[in-house]
Amino acid sequence: MRFIYTTFLLLLTTLLFAQTSQMKFEVNFNGMNIGSITATKTILGKKETIDVKTNTDASILVMSIHVESEINLHKEQAVLKNGIAYRHSNRGTENIIGYTQKLGNKYVSNINHKVDTIYKPAITFTVADLYFTEPIGLTEIYSNMYGSFVKISDLGNHKYKFTTPDGKVNAYTYINGQLSIIEVELSIGKVVSKRTS
């Protein structure tokens, strides 16, 4: 009985003191709504979890394209401890299953069964962080989806650009320190995601 009571108190304390923020984006291509992005950040003490889910469906000419992805990462004292990323597409882009784990003063990433070591003692800013924090002064950020760092450029007026290893150009625009617009250049055109909440 004491175990059940202690477990209940621990769960209740966690629920009461965790701070959660969530934002949603409408994804548009050629002026049509094709899906959504939901980004959630939960902070409990010095631990932080970020989860970004994307789900899109579009018909282009005679093709139907479906892409879904998720990035889930865990930080402690602002340092990445581990992260999982996946992307599934029915055509046009590589499916990805990836994992990044901190091991001592380095990280190990496993992206589609290709294992790499990243010799950095701490990763503190990732692509998922872009949803909640403007990357002022940064020149590179870590991509859980690709298991590598990408260069990020400040374009001025609170707009930042980076290119993924597979060539997709991404631009993130902030208004009053809050992410407002995401633009992704694809071979078939531009996808624009606008914050709705």
C-alpha atoms as a PDB file:
ATOM      1  CA  MET A   1       0.000   0.000   0.000  1.00  0.00           C
ATOM      2  CA  ARG A   2       2.825   2.389   0.851  1.00  0.00           C
ATOM      3  CA  PHE A   3       4.355   1.770  -2.615  1.00  0.00           C
ATOM      4  CA  ILE A   4       1.080   2.672  -4.357  1.00  0.00           C
ATOM      5  CA  TYR A   5       0.741   5.843  -2.266  1.00  0.00           C
ATOM      6  CA  THR A   6       4.360   6.886  -2.980  1.00  0.00           C
ATOM      7  CA  THR A   7       3.956   6.193  -6.699  1.00  0.00           C
ATOM      8  CA  PHE A   8       0.725   8.216  -6.796  1.00  0.00           C
ATOM      9  CA  LEU A   9       2.396  11.183  -5.045  1.00  0.00           C
ATOM     10  CA  LEU A  10       5.358  11.049  -7.426  1.00  0.00           C
ATOM     11  CA  LEU A  11       3.054  11.010 -10.470  1.00  0.00           C
ATOM     12  CA  LEU A  12       0.930  13.846  -9.074  1.00  0.00           C
ATOM     13  CA  THR A  13       4.036  15.941  -8.320  1.00  0.00           C
ATOM     14  CA  THR A  14       5.312  15.376 -11.850  1.00  0.00           C
ATOM     15  CA  LEU A  15       2.000  16.462 -13.379  1.00  0.00           C
ATOM     16  CA  LEU A  16       1.736  19.538 -11.167  1.00  0.00           C
ATOM     17  CA  PHE A  17       5.261  20.857 -11.695  1.00  0.00           C
ATOM     18  CA  ALA A  18       5.921  20.006 -15.353  1.00  0.00           C
ATOM     19  CA  GLN A  19       5.675  23.006 -17.677  1.00  0.00           C
ATOM     20  CA  THR A  20       4.386  22.182 -21.131  1.00  0.00           C
ATOM     21  CA  SER A  21       4.144  24.465 -24.147  1.00  0.00           C
ATOM     22  CA  GLN A  22       2.769  23.483 -27.520  1.00  0.00           C
ATOM     23  CA  MET A  23       2.516  25.148 -30.895  1.00  0.00           C
ATOM     24  CA  LYS A  24       0.786  24.110 -34.092  1.00  0.00           C
ATOM     25  CA  PHE A  25       1.495  24.959 -37.708  1.00  0.00           C
ATOM     26  CA  GLU A  26      -0.612  24.606 -40.835  1.00  0.00           C
ATOM     27  CA  VAL A  27       1.432  23.200 -43.740  1.00  0.00           C
ATOM     28  CA  ASN A  28       0.652  24.620 -47.205  1.00  0.00           C
ATOM     29  CA  PHE A  29       1.831  23.785 -50.717  1.00  0.00           C
ATOM     30  CA  ASN A  30       0.676  25.780 -53.762  1.00  0.00           C
ATOM     31  CA  GLY A  31      -1.846  27.586 -51.553  1.00  0.00           C
ATOM     32  CA  MET A  32      -3.471  24.364 -50.305  1.00  0.00           C
ATOM     33  CA  ASN A  33      -3.432  23.017 -46.749  1.00  0.00           C
ATOM     34  CA  ILE A  34      -1.660  19.657 -46.905  1.00  0.00           C
ATOM     35  CA  GLY A  35      -1.086  18.900 -43.231  1.00  0.00           C
ATOM     36  CA  SER A  36       0.158  19.993 -39.852  1.00  0.00           C
ATOM     37  CA  ILE A  37       3.123  20.241 -37.514  1.00  0.00           C
ATOM     38  CA  THR A  38       2.745  19.974 -33.744  1.00  0.00           C
ATOM     39  CA  ALA A  39       5.705  20.882 -31.524  1.00  0.00           C
ATOM     40  CA  THR A  40       5.587  20.203 -27.784  1.00  0.00           C
ATOM     41  CA  LYS A  41       8.146  21.067 -25.121  1.00  0.00           C
ATOM     42  CA  THR A  42       7.915  19.777 -21.550  1.00  0.00           C
ATOM     43  CA  ILE A  43      10.228  20.972 -18.777  1.00  0.00           C
ATOM     44  CA  LEU A  44      10.466  19.260 -15.410  1.00  0.00           C
ATOM     45  CA  GLY A  45      13.227  20.680 -13.246  1.00  0.00           C
ATOM     46  CA  LYS A  46      16.455  20.424 -15.249  1.00  0.00           C
ATOM     47  CA  LYS A  47      15.013  17.868 -17.678  1.00  0.00           C
ATOM     48  CA  GLU A  48      13.446  18.817 -20.992  1.00  0.00           C
ATOM     49  CA  THR A  49      11.638  16.849 -23.697  1.00  0.00           C
ATOM     50  CA  ILE A  50      10.887  18.182 -27.186  1.00  0.00           C
ATOM     51  CA  ASP A  51       8.589  16.353 -29.589  1.00  0.00           C
ATOM     52  CA  VAL A  52       7.913  17.554 -33.158  1.00  0.00           C
ATOM     53  CA  LYS A  53       5.363  15.667 -35.287  1.00  0.00           C
ATOM     54  CA  THR A  54       4.665  16.347 -38.958  1.00  0.00           C
ATOM     55  CA  ASN A  55       1.915  14.775 -41.040  1.00  0.00           C
ATOM     56  CA  THR A  56       1.304  15.810 -44.660  1.00  0.00           C
ATOM     57  CA  ASP A  57      -0.693  14.506 -47.619  1.00  0.00           C
ATOM     58  CA  ALA A  58      -0.691  16.108 -51.062  1.00  0.00           C
ATOM     59  CA  SER A  59      -1.751  15.316 -54.594  1.00  0.00           C
ATOM     60  CA  ILE A  60       0.652  16.671 -57.193  1.00  0.00           C
ATOM     61  CA  LEU A  61      -0.383  16.111 -60.791  1.00  0.00           C
ATOM     62  CA  VAL A  62      -1.342  12.415 -60.732  1.00  0.00           C
ATOM     63  CA  MET A  63       0.778  11.488 -57.689  1.00  0.00           C
ATOM     64  CA  SER A  64      -0.299  11.232 -54.089  1.00  0.00           C
ATOM     65  CA  ILE A  65       2.462  12.087 -51.629  1.00  0.00           C
ATOM     66  CA  HIS A  66       2.333  11.269 -47.929  1.00  0.00           C
ATOM     67  CA  VAL A  67       5.097  12.221 -45.491  1.00  0.00           C
ATOM     68  CA  GLU A  68       5.060  11.825 -41.744  1.00  0.00           C
ATOM     69  CA  SER A  69       7.923  12.445 -39.354  1.00  0.00           C
ATOM     70  CA  GLU A  70       8.688  12.772 -35.687  1.00  0.00           C
ATOM     71  CA  ILE A  71      11.635  14.026 -33.666  1.00  0.00           C
ATOM     72  CA  ASN A  72      11.685  13.275 -29.960  1.00  0.00           C
ATOM     73  CA  LEU A  73      14.630  14.349 -27.832  1.00  0.00           C
ATOM     74  CA  HIS A  74      15.589  14.504 -24.183  1.00  0.00           C
ATOM     75  CA  LYS A  75      17.892  17.056 -22.588  1.00  0.00           C
ATOM     76  CA  GLU A  76      19.266  17.459 -19.116  1.00  0.00           C
ATOM     77  CA  GLN A  77      20.702  20.808 -17.973  1.00  0.00           C
ATOM     78  CA  ALA A  78      20.296  22.011 -21.608  1.00  0.00           C
ATOM     79  CA  VAL A  79      22.498  19.187 -22.996  1.00  0.00           C
ATOM     80  CA  LEU A  80      21.131  16.583 -25.418  1.00  0.00           C
ATOM     81  CA  LYS A  81      21.058  13.145 -23.771  1.00  0.00           C
ATOM     82  CA  ASN A  82      19.286  11.183 -26.510  1.00  0.00           C
ATOM     83  CA  GLY A  83      16.966  11.629 -29.437  1.00  0.00           C
ATOM     84  CA  ILE A  84      14.946   9.568 -31.871  1.00  0.00           C
ATOM     85  CA  ALA A  85      13.914  10.681 -35.350  1.00  0.00           C
ATOM     86  CA  TYR A  86      11.953   9.014 -38.112  1.00  0.00           C
ATOM     87  CA  ARG A  87      10.549  10.010 -41.462  1.00  0.00           C
ATOM     88  CA  HIS A  88       8.281   7.900 -43.642  1.00  0.00           C
ATOM     89  CA  SER A  89       7.347   8.870 -47.168  1.00  0.00           C
ATOM     90  CA  ASN A  90       5.508   6.958 -49.841  1.00  0.00           C
ATOM     91  CA  ARG A  91       7.725   8.533 -52.552  1.00  0.00           C
ATOM     92  CA  GLY A  92      10.296  11.167 -53.370  1.00  0.00           C
ATOM     93  CA  THR A  93      12.405  11.121 -50.218  1.00  0.00           C
ATOM     94  CA  GLU A  94      14.395   8.600 -48.214  1.00  0.00           C
ATOM     95  CA  ASN A  95      12.762   6.984 -45.199  1.00  0.00           C
ATOM     96  CA  ILE A  96      14.828   7.584 -42.070  1.00  0.00           C
ATOM     97  CA  ILE A  97      15.031   5.939 -38.679  1.00  0.00           C
ATOM     98  CA  GLY A  98      17.653   7.511 -36.453  1.00  0.00           C
ATOM     99  CA  TYR A  99      18.892   7.556 -32.909  1.00  0.00           C
ATOM    100  CA  THR A 100      21.450   9.758 -31.145  1.00  0.00           C
ATOM    101  CA  GLN A 101      22.845   8.959 -27.693  1.00  0.00           C
ATOM    102  CA  LYS A 102      25.323  10.799 -25.454  1.00  0.00           C
ATOM    103  CA  LEU A 103      28.105   8.514 -24.211  1.00  0.00           C
ATOM    104  CA  GLY A 104      30.556  10.305 -21.941  1.00  0.00           C
ATOM    105  CA  ASN A 105      32.239  13.132 -23.901  1.00  0.00           C
ATOM    106  CA  LYS A 106      30.896  12.056 -27.297  1.00  0.00           C
ATOM    107  CA  TYR A 107      27.709  11.063 -29.077  1.00  0.00           C
ATOM    108  CA  VAL A 108      26.867   8.017 -31.157  1.00  0.00           C
ATOM    109  CA  SER A 109      24.320   8.353 -33.952  1.00  0.00           C
ATOM    110  CA  ASN A 110      22.674   5.500 -35.828  1.00  0.00           C
ATOM    111  CA  ILE A 111      20.855   6.680 -38.948  1.00  0.00           C
ATOM    112  CA  ASN A 112      19.389   3.842 -41.045  1.00  0.00           C
ATOM    113  CA  HIS A 113      21.921   1.416 -39.507  1.00  0.00           C
ATOM    114  CA  LYS A 114      24.899   3.675 -40.303  1.00  0.00           C
ATOM    115  CA  VAL A 115      26.700   4.313 -37.027  1.00  0.00           C
ATOM    116  CA  ASP A 116      28.848   7.442 -36.557  1.00  0.00           C
ATOM    117  CA  THR A 117      30.631   9.009 -33.620  1.00  0.00           C
ATOM    118  CA  ILE A 118      30.348  12.733 -32.966  1.00  0.00           C
ATOM    119  CA  TYR A 119      33.276  13.999 -30.917  1.00  0.00           C
ATOM    120  CA  LYS A 120      31.571  16.826 -29.041  1.00  0.00           C
ATOM    121  CA  PRO A 121      31.208  16.878 -25.268  1.00  0.00           C
ATOM    122  CA  ALA A 122      27.796  18.600 -25.439  1.00  0.00           C
ATOM    123  CA  ILE A 123      25.128  19.240 -28.076  1.00  0.00           C
ATOM    124  CA  THR A 124      22.974  22.101 -26.830  1.00  0.00           C
ATOM    125  CA  PHE A 125      20.937  23.210 -29.875  1.00  0.00           C
ATOM    126  CA  THR A 126      19.096  21.009 -32.371  1.00  0.00           C
ATOM    127  CA  VAL A 127      16.694  21.537 -35.266  1.00  0.00           C
ATOM    128  CA  ALA A 128      13.835  20.713 -32.851  1.00  0.00           C
ATOM    129  CA  ASP A 129      14.976  23.583 -30.607  1.00  0.00           C
ATOM    130  CA  LEU A 130      14.218  26.002 -33.475  1.00  0.00           C
ATOM    131  CA  TYR A 131      10.515  25.643 -32.671  1.00  0.00           C
ATOM    132  CA  PHE A 132      11.004  27.165 -29.210  1.00  0.00           C
ATOM    133  CA  THR A 133      14.172  29.278 -29.365  1.00  0.00           C
ATOM    134  CA  GLU A 134      15.460  31.760 -31.937  1.00  0.00           C
ATOM    135  CA  PRO A 135      19.037  30.692 -32.864  1.00  0.00           C
ATOM    136  CA  ILE A 136      20.650  34.098 -32.286  1.00  0.00           C
ATOM    137  CA  GLY A 137      24.412  33.960 -32.810  1.00  0.00           C
ATOM    138  CA  LEU A 138      24.581  30.285 -33.785  1.00  0.00           C
ATOM    139  CA  THR A 139      26.474  29.046 -36.846  1.00  0.00           C
ATOM    140  CA  GLU A 140      25.576  25.348 -36.636  1.00  0.00           C
ATOM    141  CA  ILE A 141      22.853  23.193 -35.132  1.00  0.00           C
ATOM    142  CA  TYR A 142      22.470  19.440 -34.733  1.00  0.00           C
ATOM    143  CA  SER A 143      19.987  17.468 -36.828  1.00  0.00           C
ATOM    144  CA  ASN A 144      18.652  14.334 -35.135  1.00  0.00           C
ATOM    145  CA  MET A 145      17.103  13.329 -38.451  1.00  0.00           C
ATOM    146  CA  TYR A 146      20.482  13.211 -40.220  1.00  0.00           C
ATOM    147  CA  GLY A 147      22.807  12.552 -37.280  1.00  0.00           C
ATOM    148  CA  SER A 148      25.030  15.499 -38.150  1.00  0.00           C
ATOM    149  CA  PHE A 149      25.523  19.219 -37.713  1.00  0.00           C
ATOM    150  CA  VAL A 150      24.180  21.639 -40.322  1.00  0.00           C
ATOM    151  CA  LYS A 151      25.377  25.210 -40.875  1.00  0.00           C
ATOM    152  CA  ILE A 152      22.793  27.883 -40.101  1.00  0.00           C
ATOM    153  CA  SER A 153      22.899  31.436 -41.469  1.00  0.00           C
ATOM    154  CA  ASP A 154      21.299  34.605 -40.118  1.00  0.00           C
ATOM    155  CA  LEU A 155      19.562  36.285 -43.090  1.00  0.00           C
ATOM    156  CA  GLY A 156      18.570  39.359 -41.047  1.00  0.00           C
ATOM    157  CA  ASN A 157      15.121  40.415 -39.839  1.00  0.00           C
ATOM    158  CA  HIS A 158      14.968  37.344 -37.553  1.00  0.00           C
ATOM    159  CA  LYS A 159      15.111  34.887 -40.462  1.00  0.00           C
ATOM    160  CA  TYR A 160      17.539  31.932 -40.478  1.00  0.00           C
ATOM    161  CA  LYS A 161      18.436  29.437 -43.180  1.00  0.00           C
ATOM    162  CA  PHE A 162      20.035  26.001 -43.245  1.00  0.00           C
ATOM    163  CA  THR A 163      20.363  23.236 -45.828  1.00  0.00           C
ATOM    164  CA  THR A 164      19.869  19.594 -44.883  1.00  0.00           C
ATOM    165  CA  PRO A 165      22.366  16.959 -46.049  1.00  0.00           C
ATOM    166  CA  ASP A 166      19.862  15.860 -48.726  1.00  0.00           C
ATOM    167  CA  GLY A 167      19.693  19.387 -50.175  1.00  0.00           C
ATOM    168  CA  LYS A 168      16.462  20.803 -48.736  1.00  0.00           C
ATOM    169  CA  VAL A 169      16.753  24.522 -47.967  1.00  0.00           C
ATOM    170  CA  ASN A 170      14.891  25.478 -44.782  1.00  0.00           C
ATOM    171  CA  ALA A 171      14.105  29.025 -43.609  1.00  0.00           C
ATOM    172  CA  TYR A 172      12.730  29.834 -40.148  1.00  0.00           C
ATOM    173  CA  THR A 173      11.227  33.280 -39.427  1.00  0.00           C
ATOM    174  CA  TYR A 174      10.607  34.633 -35.929  1.00  0.00           C
ATOM    175  CA  ILE A 175       8.300  37.438 -34.817  1.00  0.00           C
ATOM    176  CA  ASN A 176       8.873  38.810 -31.302  1.00  0.00           C
ATOM    177  CA  GLY A 177      11.136  35.836 -30.552  1.00  0.00           C
ATOM    178  CA  GLN A 178       8.475  33.270 -31.521  1.00  0.00           C
ATOM    179  CA  LEU A 179       8.732  30.958 -34.529  1.00  0.00           C
ATOM    180  CA  SER A 180       6.097  32.113 -37.006  1.00  0.00           C
ATOM    181  CA  ILE A 181       6.891  30.719 -40.476  1.00  0.00           C
ATOM    182  CA  ILE A 182       8.852  27.729 -41.805  1.00  0.00           C
ATOM    183  CA  GLU A 183       9.667  27.554 -45.518  1.00  0.00           C
ATOM    184  CA  VAL A 184      11.158  24.440 -47.143  1.00  0.00           C
ATOM    185  CA  GLU A 185      12.388  24.504 -50.739  1.00  0.00           C
ATOM    186  CA  LEU A 186      11.754  21.182 -52.508  1.00  0.00           C
ATOM    187  CA  SER A 187      12.430  20.159 -56.080  1.00  0.00           C
ATOM    188  CA  ILE A 188       8.660  20.392 -56.733  1.00  0.00           C
ATOM    189  CA  GLY A 189       8.186  23.800 -55.060  1.00  0.00           C
ATOM    190  CA  LYS A 190       8.044  25.550 -51.712  1.00  0.00           C
ATOM    191  CA  VAL A 191       6.210  24.247 -48.654  1.00  0.00           C
ATOM    192  CA  VAL A 192       5.196  26.998 -46.205  1.00  0.00           C
ATOM    193  CA  SER A 193       4.139  26.277 -42.628  1.00  0.00           C
ATOM    194  CA  LYS A 194       2.473  29.056 -40.639  1.00  0.00           C
ATOM    195  CA  ARG A 195       1.913  29.029 -36.922  1.00  0.00           C
ATOM    196  CA  THR A 196      -1.747  28.772 -35.908  1.00  0.00           C
ATOM    197  CA  SER A 197      -1.414  28.483 -32.116  1.00  0.00           C
END
